[in-house]
Amino acid sequence: MSVDLENDVLLLTCASGKQCSRLIPLLYNQWKHLRLVVNTVSSEESLKTQWPNATVMRADMARIEDARCLLSGVTTVLYIGPSAHCHETEMGYTMIDAARHESQYGTLKHFIYSSVLHPQIRKLMNHDCKRYVEEYLIESGLNYTILQPSHILDQFPVEQLLKSEDPVFPASFDPQVAFSFTVLQDLAEAFTHIINEREKHYLAEYTACSTAPISYADLVAMLSQEIDKPIRIIRKEFFESAAQFQNMLAGKDGDVPPGTRDTIHRLLLYYNFYGIKGNPNVLGWLIGRTPTTAQEFLRQKILEVHNS
């Protein structure tokens, strides 16, 4: 049952997204058969150019026919769902159903699910969607592993702030509220261990926080000290912030389904009061080192910008 890097097939969904951006480079030269799933033609063309030895497939994971085609002959799947999708739960169910079929009649041995820290927070619609998917996966009979990352620190605009003569951080919610962040490199290393060690992680659920709780105001102050330059914080109006999130998901017109709009609105309100907090110990155990601290992350980003 051990991993066979020459013959096993590994499937990564949402392969053009942020979670796979650091993961694919760790796996590309290990796994001979790497299958990458995207949703758009532009992503398909981009990944085919970037990773010519991988198989890139464009599909709609909400369709059972597409899901079964994606999973045909697959040994391990890392399922990453689309961010804040209004049909995220149903899409997760469809991929799990297809995985059950492949497990019973084909080659599938391991279903890995990228969920979210604290899926039991029902006020957050995107968390609640993942809670249902987790439950469906737990009851599926599959050998699964669930990894629960938090707020992604890599989205903090270090480069933009460094290159500005008058740097301003636009806060989408109260910048004093604390979060435990996940660094994408740490997350990628955790996924790599889970994928390559397979049976060791069957039926496990892991939180994946890199940092102890820290606020955006603290991050801004820390970066300001590192570069010896003042950075101002401005608080954006609620609907302006919501529109920006919608544009990230749907392009410049911001045209998203009502369910996605509502997900974004609740997310901003929740972040404004509670944040998302967790503990980095589990991630440290998974990757075999102390996870990246906020200060280490900022220093790495500053070095990358200066060397670019």
Protein backbone atom coordinates (compact mmCIF):
# COMPACT_ATOMS: atom_id res chain seq x y z
CA MET A 1 0.00 0.00 0.00
CA SER A 2 3.03 2.32 0.07
CA VAL A 3 3.25 5.16 -2.45
CA ASP A 4 4.64 4.18 -5.86
CA LEU A 5 5.96 7.41 -7.37
CA GLU A 6 6.52 5.75 -10.75
CA ASN A 7 3.07 4.25 -11.25
CA ASP A 8 0.56 5.90 -8.89
CA VAL A 9 -1.52 8.79 -10.22
CA LEU A 10 -1.93 11.93 -8.10
CA LEU A 11 -4.83 14.31 -8.78
CA LEU A 12 -4.78 17.94 -7.60
CA THR A 13 -7.92 20.05 -8.04
CA CYS A 14 -8.02 23.86 -8.31
CA ALA A 15 -4.46 23.46 -9.53
CA SER A 16 -4.11 27.08 -10.66
CA GLY A 17 -5.08 28.41 -7.22
CA LYS A 18 -2.98 29.69 -4.37
CA GLN A 19 -2.77 26.43 -2.41
CA CYS A 20 -1.22 24.56 -5.34
CA SER A 21 1.17 27.38 -6.23
CA ARG A 22 3.74 26.17 -3.70
CA LEU A 23 2.69 22.51 -3.74
CA ILE A 24 3.17 21.61 -7.40
CA PRO A 25 6.89 22.53 -7.37
CA LEU A 26 7.42 20.10 -4.47
CA LEU A 27 5.66 17.23 -6.27
CA TYR A 28 6.45 17.80 -9.94
CA ASN A 29 9.80 15.98 -9.98
CA GLN A 30 8.65 13.29 -7.52
CA TRP A 31 5.43 12.01 -9.08
CA LYS A 32 5.69 10.67 -12.62
CA HIS A 33 1.92 10.83 -13.10
CA LEU A 34 0.61 14.19 -11.90
CA ARG A 35 -2.91 15.20 -12.98
CA LEU A 36 -3.88 18.87 -12.56
CA VAL A 37 -7.51 20.04 -12.68
CA VAL A 38 -8.57 23.57 -13.69
CA ASN A 39 -11.84 25.28 -14.57
CA THR A 40 -10.92 27.79 -17.29
CA VAL A 41 -9.19 27.71 -20.67
CA SER A 42 -6.65 30.34 -19.57
CA SER A 43 -5.66 28.29 -16.52
CA GLU A 44 -5.40 25.18 -18.66
CA GLU A 45 -3.07 26.85 -21.15
CA SER A 46 -0.97 28.44 -18.40
CA LEU A 47 -0.40 25.19 -16.48
CA LYS A 48 0.34 23.20 -19.64
CA THR A 49 3.13 25.68 -20.38
CA GLN A 50 4.41 25.80 -16.82
CA TRP A 51 4.24 22.05 -16.11
CA PRO A 52 4.64 20.27 -19.47
CA ASN A 53 5.15 16.81 -17.97
CA ALA A 54 1.89 16.93 -16.02
CA THR A 55 -1.55 16.08 -17.38
CA VAL A 56 -3.77 19.18 -17.25
CA MET A 57 -7.53 18.65 -17.43
CA ARG A 58 -10.34 21.21 -17.56
CA ALA A 59 -13.56 20.07 -15.92
CA ASP A 60 -16.68 21.04 -14.00
CA MET A 61 -16.42 19.24 -10.67
CA ALA A 62 -20.14 19.72 -10.06
CA ARG A 63 -20.89 17.19 -12.83
CA ILE A 64 -20.62 13.53 -11.79
CA GLU A 65 -19.48 12.59 -15.30
CA ASP A 66 -16.57 15.03 -15.10
CA ALA A 67 -15.73 13.98 -11.55
CA ARG A 68 -15.56 10.29 -12.51
CA CYS A 69 -13.43 11.10 -15.54
CA LEU A 70 -11.01 13.11 -13.39
CA LEU A 71 -10.68 10.31 -10.81
CA SER A 72 -10.41 7.43 -13.27
CA GLY A 73 -7.15 5.58 -12.58
CA VAL A 74 -6.21 7.96 -9.75
CA THR A 75 -4.50 6.60 -6.61
CA THR A 76 -4.49 9.76 -4.45
CA VAL A 77 -6.61 12.88 -4.77
CA LEU A 78 -6.11 16.21 -3.05
CA TYR A 79 -9.49 17.88 -3.31
CA ILE A 80 -9.39 21.67 -3.01
CA GLY A 81 -12.81 23.22 -3.55
CA PRO A 82 -13.44 26.56 -5.28
CA SER A 83 -13.34 29.52 -2.89
CA ALA A 84 -16.73 30.80 -1.67
CA HIS A 85 -18.61 28.93 -4.40
CA CYS A 86 -22.37 28.94 -3.85
CA HIS A 87 -22.53 25.20 -4.65
CA GLU A 88 -19.40 24.22 -2.74
CA THR A 89 -21.15 21.58 -0.64
CA GLU A 90 -22.79 19.88 -3.59
CA MET A 91 -19.50 19.93 -5.50
CA GLY A 92 -17.74 18.26 -2.58
CA TYR A 93 -20.44 15.59 -2.43
CA THR A 94 -20.05 14.91 -6.15
CA MET A 95 -16.27 14.48 -5.92
CA ILE A 96 -16.64 12.17 -2.90
CA ASP A 97 -19.26 10.08 -4.71
CA ALA A 98 -16.93 9.74 -7.70
CA ALA A 99 -14.09 8.86 -5.35
CA ARG A 100 -16.17 6.14 -3.69
CA HIS A 101 -16.86 4.63 -7.11
CA GLU A 102 -13.16 4.70 -8.01
CA SER A 103 -12.26 3.21 -4.62
CA GLN A 104 -14.69 0.33 -5.11
CA TYR A 105 -14.05 -0.41 -8.78
CA GLY A 106 -10.72 1.24 -9.56
CA THR A 107 -7.45 2.35 -8.01
CA LEU A 108 -8.21 5.09 -5.46
CA LYS A 109 -6.57 4.64 -2.06
CA HIS A 110 -6.52 8.09 -0.43
CA PHE A 111 -8.84 11.13 -0.47
CA ILE A 112 -7.26 14.28 0.99
CA TYR A 113 -9.53 17.25 1.62
CA SER A 114 -8.37 20.82 2.05
CA SER A 115 -11.01 22.21 4.39
CA VAL A 116 -10.78 25.25 6.65
CA LEU A 117 -9.84 26.02 10.23
CA HIS A 118 -12.91 25.68 12.49
CA PRO A 119 -15.51 24.44 9.96
CA GLN A 120 -18.01 24.37 12.87
CA ILE A 121 -18.34 28.19 12.68
CA ARG A 122 -21.87 28.25 11.25
CA LYS A 123 -22.02 32.03 10.94
CA LEU A 124 -19.47 31.71 8.11
CA MET A 125 -21.23 30.19 5.12
CA ASN A 126 -17.98 29.04 3.48
CA HIS A 127 -16.99 27.25 6.71
CA ASP A 128 -20.41 25.69 7.05
CA CYS A 129 -20.20 24.34 3.49
CA LYS A 130 -16.95 22.61 4.34
CA ARG A 131 -18.44 21.24 7.58
CA TYR A 132 -21.02 19.35 5.53
CA VAL A 133 -18.37 18.09 3.12
CA GLU A 134 -16.24 16.88 6.04
CA GLU A 135 -19.21 14.99 7.47
CA TYR A 136 -19.97 13.40 4.09
CA LEU A 137 -16.33 12.38 3.69
CA ILE A 138 -16.11 10.92 7.20
CA GLU A 139 -19.17 8.76 6.49
CA SER A 140 -18.05 7.79 2.97
CA GLY A 141 -15.95 4.77 3.91
CA LEU A 142 -12.95 6.28 2.11
CA ASN A 143 -9.47 6.45 3.57
CA TYR A 144 -9.38 10.21 4.06
CA THR A 145 -7.26 12.95 5.55
CA ILE A 146 -8.62 16.42 6.32
CA LEU A 147 -6.29 19.41 6.54
CA GLN A 148 -7.68 22.70 7.86
CA PRO A 149 -5.69 25.80 6.85
CA SER A 150 -6.50 29.27 8.12
CA HIS A 151 -6.17 32.82 6.75
CA ILE A 152 -3.40 32.79 4.11
CA LEU A 153 -0.54 35.10 5.10
CA ASP A 154 0.85 35.18 1.55
CA GLN A 155 -2.02 37.47 0.57
CA PHE A 156 -0.67 40.24 2.80
CA PRO A 157 0.57 42.84 0.23
CA VAL A 158 4.23 43.07 1.27
CA GLU A 159 5.57 43.86 -2.21
CA GLN A 160 2.98 46.56 -2.84
CA LEU A 161 3.76 48.24 0.48
CA LEU A 162 7.52 48.01 -0.07
CA LYS A 163 7.40 49.63 -3.50
CA SER A 164 5.14 52.52 -2.51
CA GLU A 165 6.62 55.90 -1.59
CA ASP A 166 3.71 56.47 0.79
CA PRO A 167 2.65 52.94 1.79
CA VAL A 168 -0.95 52.50 2.90
CA PHE A 169 -2.54 49.24 4.00
CA PRO A 170 -6.26 49.15 3.09
CA ALA A 171 -8.01 47.18 5.84
CA SER A 172 -11.21 45.38 4.83
CA PHE A 173 -12.25 44.99 8.48
CA ASP A 174 -11.05 46.00 11.94
CA PRO A 175 -7.25 45.71 11.69
CA GLN A 176 -6.95 45.12 15.46
CA VAL A 177 -8.73 41.75 15.27
CA ALA A 178 -6.30 38.81 15.54
CA PHE A 179 -5.93 35.85 13.15
CA SER A 180 -3.76 32.77 13.12
CA PHE A 181 -2.29 32.74 9.62
CA THR A 182 -1.21 29.89 7.37
CA VAL A 183 1.89 30.31 5.19
CA LEU A 184 1.56 28.60 1.81
CA GLN A 185 5.03 27.05 1.93
CA ASP A 186 4.22 25.42 5.28
CA LEU A 187 0.90 24.21 3.90
CA ALA A 188 2.59 22.77 0.80
CA GLU A 189 5.07 20.85 2.94
CA ALA A 190 2.22 19.45 5.06
CA PHE A 191 0.34 18.30 1.96
CA THR A 192 3.50 16.69 0.62
CA HIS A 193 3.99 14.66 3.81
CA ILE A 194 0.36 13.55 3.80
CA ILE A 195 0.46 12.60 0.11
CA ASN A 196 3.77 10.73 0.24
CA GLU A 197 3.25 9.03 3.61
CA ARG A 198 -0.31 7.96 2.81
CA GLU A 199 -1.37 5.29 5.37
CA LYS A 200 0.19 7.17 8.27
CA HIS A 201 -2.45 9.86 7.79
CA TYR A 202 -5.58 7.79 7.14
CA LEU A 203 -8.64 9.01 9.10
CA ALA A 204 -6.77 12.04 10.46
CA GLU A 205 -7.91 15.66 10.80
CA TYR A 206 -5.19 18.28 11.18
CA THR A 207 -5.36 22.00 11.85
CA ALA A 208 -2.80 23.91 9.80
CA CYS A 209 -1.92 27.26 11.39
CA SER A 210 1.57 28.67 10.91
CA THR A 211 1.32 31.55 13.38
CA ALA A 212 -0.06 32.30 16.79
CA PRO A 213 -2.82 34.95 16.75
CA ILE A 214 -1.64 38.29 15.37
CA SER A 215 -3.59 41.24 13.99
CA TYR A 216 -3.16 43.04 10.68
CA ALA A 217 -2.22 46.14 12.65
CA ASP A 218 0.59 44.13 14.26
CA LEU A 219 1.72 42.89 10.81
CA VAL A 220 1.79 46.43 9.49
CA ALA A 221 3.77 47.64 12.51
CA MET A 222 6.20 44.74 12.15
CA LEU A 223 6.77 45.42 8.45
CA SER A 224 7.14 49.15 9.12
CA GLN A 225 9.88 48.39 11.65
CA GLU A 226 11.64 45.98 9.28
CA ILE A 227 11.83 48.53 6.44
CA ASP A 228 12.19 51.60 8.70
CA LYS A 229 9.33 53.38 6.96
CA PRO A 230 5.92 54.42 8.34
CA ILE A 231 2.93 52.54 6.91
CA ARG A 232 -0.52 54.02 7.31
CA ILE A 233 -3.70 51.96 7.72
CA ILE A 234 -7.01 53.06 6.23
CA ARG A 235 -10.30 51.32 6.92
CA LYS A 236 -12.31 50.64 3.77
CA GLU A 237 -16.08 50.97 3.73
CA PHE A 238 -17.95 47.66 4.05
CA PHE A 239 -19.47 47.49 0.57
CA GLU A 240 -16.22 48.64 -1.03
CA SER A 241 -14.47 45.71 0.65
CA ALA A 242 -17.23 43.34 -0.41
CA ALA A 243 -16.99 44.52 -4.02
CA GLN A 244 -13.24 43.92 -4.00
CA PHE A 245 -13.74 40.35 -2.77
CA GLN A 246 -16.41 39.80 -5.43
CA ASN A 247 -14.07 41.08 -8.15
CA MET A 248 -11.41 38.61 -7.01
CA LEU A 249 -13.87 35.77 -7.55
CA ALA A 250 -15.72 36.93 -10.63
CA GLY A 251 -13.55 39.41 -12.49
CA LYS A 252 -13.88 43.15 -12.85
CA ASP A 253 -17.68 43.16 -13.17
CA GLY A 254 -18.05 41.52 -9.76
CA ASP A 255 -21.12 39.59 -10.95
CA VAL A 256 -21.48 36.70 -8.52
CA PRO A 257 -24.52 34.61 -7.49
CA PRO A 258 -26.48 35.86 -4.46
CA GLY A 259 -25.16 32.96 -2.37
CA THR A 260 -21.55 33.97 -3.04
CA ARG A 261 -22.38 37.63 -2.31
CA ASP A 262 -23.93 36.63 1.02
CA THR A 263 -20.91 34.46 1.85
CA ILE A 264 -18.59 37.44 1.33
CA HIS A 265 -20.75 39.79 3.41
CA ARG A 266 -20.92 37.39 6.35
CA LEU A 267 -17.20 36.72 6.11
CA LEU A 268 -16.32 40.40 6.39
CA LEU A 269 -18.69 40.93 9.32
CA TYR A 270 -17.35 37.90 11.16
CA TYR A 271 -13.72 38.87 10.58
CA ASN A 272 -14.52 42.34 11.90
CA PHE A 273 -15.46 40.97 15.32
CA TYR A 274 -13.92 37.53 15.84
CA GLY A 275 -11.07 36.72 13.48
CA ILE A 276 -9.96 33.09 13.05
CA LYS A 277 -7.55 31.83 15.69
CA GLY A 278 -5.72 28.53 16.17
CA ASN A 279 -2.52 26.86 17.34
CA PRO A 280 0.58 26.11 15.20
CA ASN A 281 1.68 22.96 17.08
CA VAL A 282 -0.07 20.45 14.81
CA LEU A 283 1.37 21.96 11.63
CA GLY A 284 4.83 21.91 13.20
CA TRP A 285 4.47 18.19 13.92
CA LEU A 286 3.34 17.54 10.34
CA ILE A 287 6.22 19.33 8.62
CA GLY A 288 8.90 18.40 11.14
CA ARG A 289 9.97 21.95 11.95
CA THR A 290 8.68 25.09 13.61
CA PRO A 291 6.16 26.73 11.26
CA THR A 292 7.03 30.08 9.71
CA THR A 293 6.43 32.99 12.07
CA ALA A 294 4.96 36.29 10.90
CA GLN A 295 8.32 38.01 11.27
CA GLU A 296 10.13 35.27 9.35
CA PHE A 297 7.56 35.49 6.58
CA LEU A 298 7.91 39.26 6.27
CA ARG A 299 11.71 39.05 6.19
CA GLN A 300 11.57 36.37 3.49
CA LYS A 301 9.22 38.50 1.39
CA ILE A 302 11.39 41.59 1.80
CA LEU A 303 14.42 39.58 0.63
CA GLU A 304 12.49 38.23 -2.36
CA VAL A 305 11.42 41.73 -3.40
CA HIS A 306 14.95 43.10 -3.06
CA ASN A 307 16.36 40.20 -5.12
CA SER A 308 13.74 40.43 -7.86
